[in-house]
Amino acid sequence: MKTWFSWLTSPIRTTPDPSRRAPSCGSSSPVTIEASVLLKLFREVNEQGRTIVAVLHDLNQAARFADRIVMMRDGEVVASGPPAEVVTAESVERVFGPACTVIPDPHTGTPMVVPR
């Protein structure tokens, strides 16, 4: 079974609780750190043969952890497939607007979106 993630064009707005800062987290917010831990747990569950469906608003996390991505805009599917095929500069710009560059993540080799 595969892991499926999708993301929408509306951003999540959260205000991190400053008392929940992780030690040595640098500039990363606690929300990002918690999401990363959850996504690793999803991967472990998926490796046990279970299907995971999640909606993510962080393109780089979706590309890093998903086997398949469904990119949507205004409720319509714009692109669907493996991260390397879906997360391209053209598709990201078409769905989200701002110009970007997509490069291989230096740690995982998965697509990584870098704003211009």
C-alpha atoms as a PDB file:
ATOM      1  CA  MET A   1       0.000   0.000   0.000  1.00  0.00           C
ATOM      2  CA  LYS A   2       1.124   3.545  -0.658  1.00  0.00           C
ATOM      3  CA  THR A   3       1.035   6.791   1.258  1.00  0.00           C
ATOM      4  CA  TRP A   4      -1.088   9.533  -0.319  1.00  0.00           C
ATOM      5  CA  PHE A   5      -0.763  13.200   0.505  1.00  0.00           C
ATOM      6  CA  SER A   6      -2.369  16.204  -1.050  1.00  0.00           C
ATOM      7  CA  TRP A   7      -2.151  19.886  -0.473  1.00  0.00           C
ATOM      8  CA  LEU A   8      -4.541  22.747  -0.965  1.00  0.00           C
ATOM      9  CA  THR A   9      -3.907  26.340  -1.925  1.00  0.00           C
ATOM     10  CA  SER A  10      -5.262  27.801   1.309  1.00  0.00           C
ATOM     11  CA  PRO A  11      -2.512  28.129   3.940  1.00  0.00           C
ATOM     12  CA  ILE A  12      -2.844  26.990   7.543  1.00  0.00           C
ATOM     13  CA  ARG A  13      -2.485  29.915   9.894  1.00  0.00           C
ATOM     14  CA  THR A  14      -1.186  28.955  13.305  1.00  0.00           C
ATOM     15  CA  THR A  15       0.391  30.907  16.089  1.00  0.00           C
ATOM     16  CA  PRO A  16       2.919  28.644  17.818  1.00  0.00           C
ATOM     17  CA  ASP A  17       2.870  28.590  21.608  1.00  0.00           C
ATOM     18  CA  PRO A  18       6.273  30.074  22.602  1.00  0.00           C
ATOM     19  CA  SER A  19       6.362  27.890  25.733  1.00  0.00           C
ATOM     20  CA  ARG A  20       6.468  24.762  23.509  1.00  0.00           C
ATOM     21  CA  ARG A  21       9.750  25.543  21.754  1.00  0.00           C
ATOM     22  CA  ALA A  22      11.905  22.511  21.161  1.00  0.00           C
ATOM     23  CA  PRO A  23      15.513  22.670  22.359  1.00  0.00           C
ATOM     24  CA  SER A  24      18.056  23.586  19.679  1.00  0.00           C
ATOM     25  CA  CYS A  25      15.363  24.061  17.070  1.00  0.00           C
ATOM     26  CA  GLY A  26      17.030  27.124  15.532  1.00  0.00           C
ATOM     27  CA  SER A  27      14.602  29.066  13.377  1.00  0.00           C
ATOM     28  CA  SER A  28      12.204  26.140  12.916  1.00  0.00           C
ATOM     29  CA  SER A  29       8.830  26.640  14.514  1.00  0.00           C
ATOM     30  CA  PRO A  30       7.452  24.032  16.933  1.00  0.00           C
ATOM     31  CA  VAL A  31       4.599  23.440  14.474  1.00  0.00           C
ATOM     32  CA  THR A  32       7.058  22.320  11.775  1.00  0.00           C
ATOM     33  CA  ILE A  33       8.939  20.069  14.163  1.00  0.00           C
ATOM     34  CA  GLU A  34       5.726  18.392  15.351  1.00  0.00           C
ATOM     35  CA  ALA A  35       4.559  17.866  11.752  1.00  0.00           C
ATOM     36  CA  SER A  36       7.867  16.211  10.884  1.00  0.00           C
ATOM     37  CA  VAL A  37       7.515  13.767  13.779  1.00  0.00           C
ATOM     38  CA  LEU A  38       3.941  12.982  12.740  1.00  0.00           C
ATOM     39  CA  LEU A  39       4.970  12.412   9.121  1.00  0.00           C
ATOM     40  CA  LYS A  40       7.700   9.988  10.217  1.00  0.00           C
ATOM     41  CA  LEU A  41       5.069   8.113  12.223  1.00  0.00           C
ATOM     42  CA  PHE A  42       2.846   8.018   9.112  1.00  0.00           C
ATOM     43  CA  ARG A  43       5.755   6.488   7.174  1.00  0.00           C
ATOM     44  CA  GLU A  44       6.228   3.779   9.821  1.00  0.00           C
ATOM     45  CA  VAL A  45       2.516   2.937   9.790  1.00  0.00           C
ATOM     46  CA  ASN A  46       2.567   2.849   5.978  1.00  0.00           C
ATOM     47  CA  GLU A  47       5.513   0.443   6.017  1.00  0.00           C
ATOM     48  CA  GLN A  48       3.272  -1.915   8.026  1.00  0.00           C
ATOM     49  CA  GLY A  49       0.937  -2.089   5.030  1.00  0.00           C
ATOM     50  CA  ARG A  50      -1.574   0.625   5.895  1.00  0.00           C
ATOM     51  CA  THR A  51      -2.697   3.426   3.605  1.00  0.00           C
ATOM     52  CA  ILE A  52      -2.358   6.989   4.906  1.00  0.00           C
ATOM     53  CA  VAL A  53      -4.228   9.951   3.423  1.00  0.00           C
ATOM     54  CA  ALA A  54      -3.191  13.398   4.682  1.00  0.00           C
ATOM     55  CA  VAL A  55      -3.665  16.983   3.581  1.00  0.00           C
ATOM     56  CA  LEU A  56      -0.491  19.055   3.840  1.00  0.00           C
ATOM     57  CA  HIS A  57       0.109  22.719   3.161  1.00  0.00           C
ATOM     58  CA  ASP A  58       3.908  22.454   3.205  1.00  0.00           C
ATOM     59  CA  LEU A  59       5.019  21.489  -0.289  1.00  0.00           C
ATOM     60  CA  ASN A  60       8.471  20.349   0.790  1.00  0.00           C
ATOM     61  CA  GLN A  61       7.108  18.041   3.486  1.00  0.00           C
ATOM     62  CA  ALA A  62       4.580  16.598   1.050  1.00  0.00           C
ATOM     63  CA  ALA A  63       7.344  15.940  -1.482  1.00  0.00           C
ATOM     64  CA  ARG A  64       9.621  14.423   1.156  1.00  0.00           C
ATOM     65  CA  PHE A  65       7.152  11.996   2.733  1.00  0.00           C
ATOM     66  CA  ALA A  66       4.569  11.140   0.074  1.00  0.00           C
ATOM     67  CA  ASP A  67       4.650   8.341  -2.468  1.00  0.00           C
ATOM     68  CA  ARG A  68       1.944  10.138  -4.441  1.00  0.00           C
ATOM     69  CA  ILE A  69       0.758  13.767  -4.444  1.00  0.00           C
ATOM     70  CA  VAL A  70      -2.514  15.260  -5.595  1.00  0.00           C
ATOM     71  CA  MET A  71      -2.130  19.003  -6.260  1.00  0.00           C
ATOM     72  CA  MET A  72      -5.387  20.959  -6.177  1.00  0.00           C
ATOM     73  CA  ARG A  73      -6.570  24.481  -6.891  1.00  0.00           C
ATOM     74  CA  ASP A  74     -10.121  25.732  -6.305  1.00  0.00           C
ATOM     75  CA  GLY A  75     -11.327  22.181  -5.626  1.00  0.00           C
ATOM     76  CA  GLU A  76      -9.992  20.798  -8.915  1.00  0.00           C
ATOM     77  CA  VAL A  77      -7.129  18.330  -9.358  1.00  0.00           C
ATOM     78  CA  VAL A  78      -4.311  20.064 -11.256  1.00  0.00           C
ATOM     79  CA  ALA A  79      -1.687  17.310 -11.063  1.00  0.00           C
ATOM     80  CA  SER A  80      -1.430  13.838  -9.583  1.00  0.00           C
ATOM     81  CA  GLY A  81       1.435  11.373  -9.357  1.00  0.00           C
ATOM     82  CA  PRO A  82       4.838  10.807  -7.760  1.00  0.00           C
ATOM     83  CA  PRO A  83       6.402  13.915  -6.165  1.00  0.00           C
ATOM     84  CA  ALA A  84       9.129  14.187  -8.827  1.00  0.00           C
ATOM     85  CA  GLU A  85       6.459  14.458 -11.537  1.00  0.00           C
ATOM     86  CA  VAL A  86       4.032  16.745  -9.678  1.00  0.00           C
ATOM     87  CA  VAL A  87       6.288  19.161  -7.793  1.00  0.00           C
ATOM     88  CA  THR A  88       7.763  21.204 -10.619  1.00  0.00           C
ATOM     89  CA  ALA A  89       8.385  24.951 -10.859  1.00  0.00           C
ATOM     90  CA  GLU A  90       5.691  25.189 -13.529  1.00  0.00           C
ATOM     91  CA  SER A  91       2.997  23.380 -11.509  1.00  0.00           C
ATOM     92  CA  VAL A  92       3.814  25.223  -8.268  1.00  0.00           C
ATOM     93  CA  GLU A  93       3.717  28.608 -10.021  1.00  0.00           C
ATOM     94  CA  ARG A  94       0.474  27.716 -11.802  1.00  0.00           C
ATOM     95  CA  VAL A  95      -1.260  26.684  -8.574  1.00  0.00           C
ATOM     96  CA  PHE A  96       0.294  29.008  -5.988  1.00  0.00           C
ATOM     97  CA  GLY A  97       1.423  32.011  -8.064  1.00  0.00           C
ATOM     98  CA  PRO A  98       4.865  33.110  -6.858  1.00  0.00           C
ATOM     99  CA  ALA A  99       7.904  32.234  -8.965  1.00  0.00           C
ATOM    100  CA  CYS A 100      10.043  29.444  -7.567  1.00  0.00           C
ATOM    101  CA  THR A 101      12.815  27.031  -8.352  1.00  0.00           C
ATOM    102  CA  VAL A 102      12.544  23.311  -7.623  1.00  0.00           C
ATOM    103  CA  ILE A 103      15.816  21.579  -6.756  1.00  0.00           C
ATOM    104  CA  PRO A 104      16.663  18.163  -5.298  1.00  0.00           C
ATOM    105  CA  ASP A 105      16.602  18.192  -1.494  1.00  0.00           C
ATOM    106  CA  PRO A 106      20.251  17.747  -0.442  1.00  0.00           C
ATOM    107  CA  HIS A 107      19.279  15.170   2.203  1.00  0.00           C
ATOM    108  CA  THR A 108      16.610  13.098   0.455  1.00  0.00           C
ATOM    109  CA  GLY A 109      16.846  13.887  -3.261  1.00  0.00           C
ATOM    110  CA  THR A 110      13.112  14.645  -3.313  1.00  0.00           C
ATOM    111  CA  PRO A 111      11.858  17.863  -4.935  1.00  0.00           C
ATOM    112  CA  MET A 112      12.389  20.974  -2.804  1.00  0.00           C
ATOM    113  CA  VAL A 113      10.609  24.252  -3.588  1.00  0.00           C
ATOM    114  CA  VAL A 114      12.729  27.400  -3.171  1.00  0.00           C
ATOM    115  CA  PRO A 115      10.992  30.769  -3.580  1.00  0.00           C
ATOM    116  CA  ARG A 116      12.717  33.250  -5.903  1.00  0.00           C
END
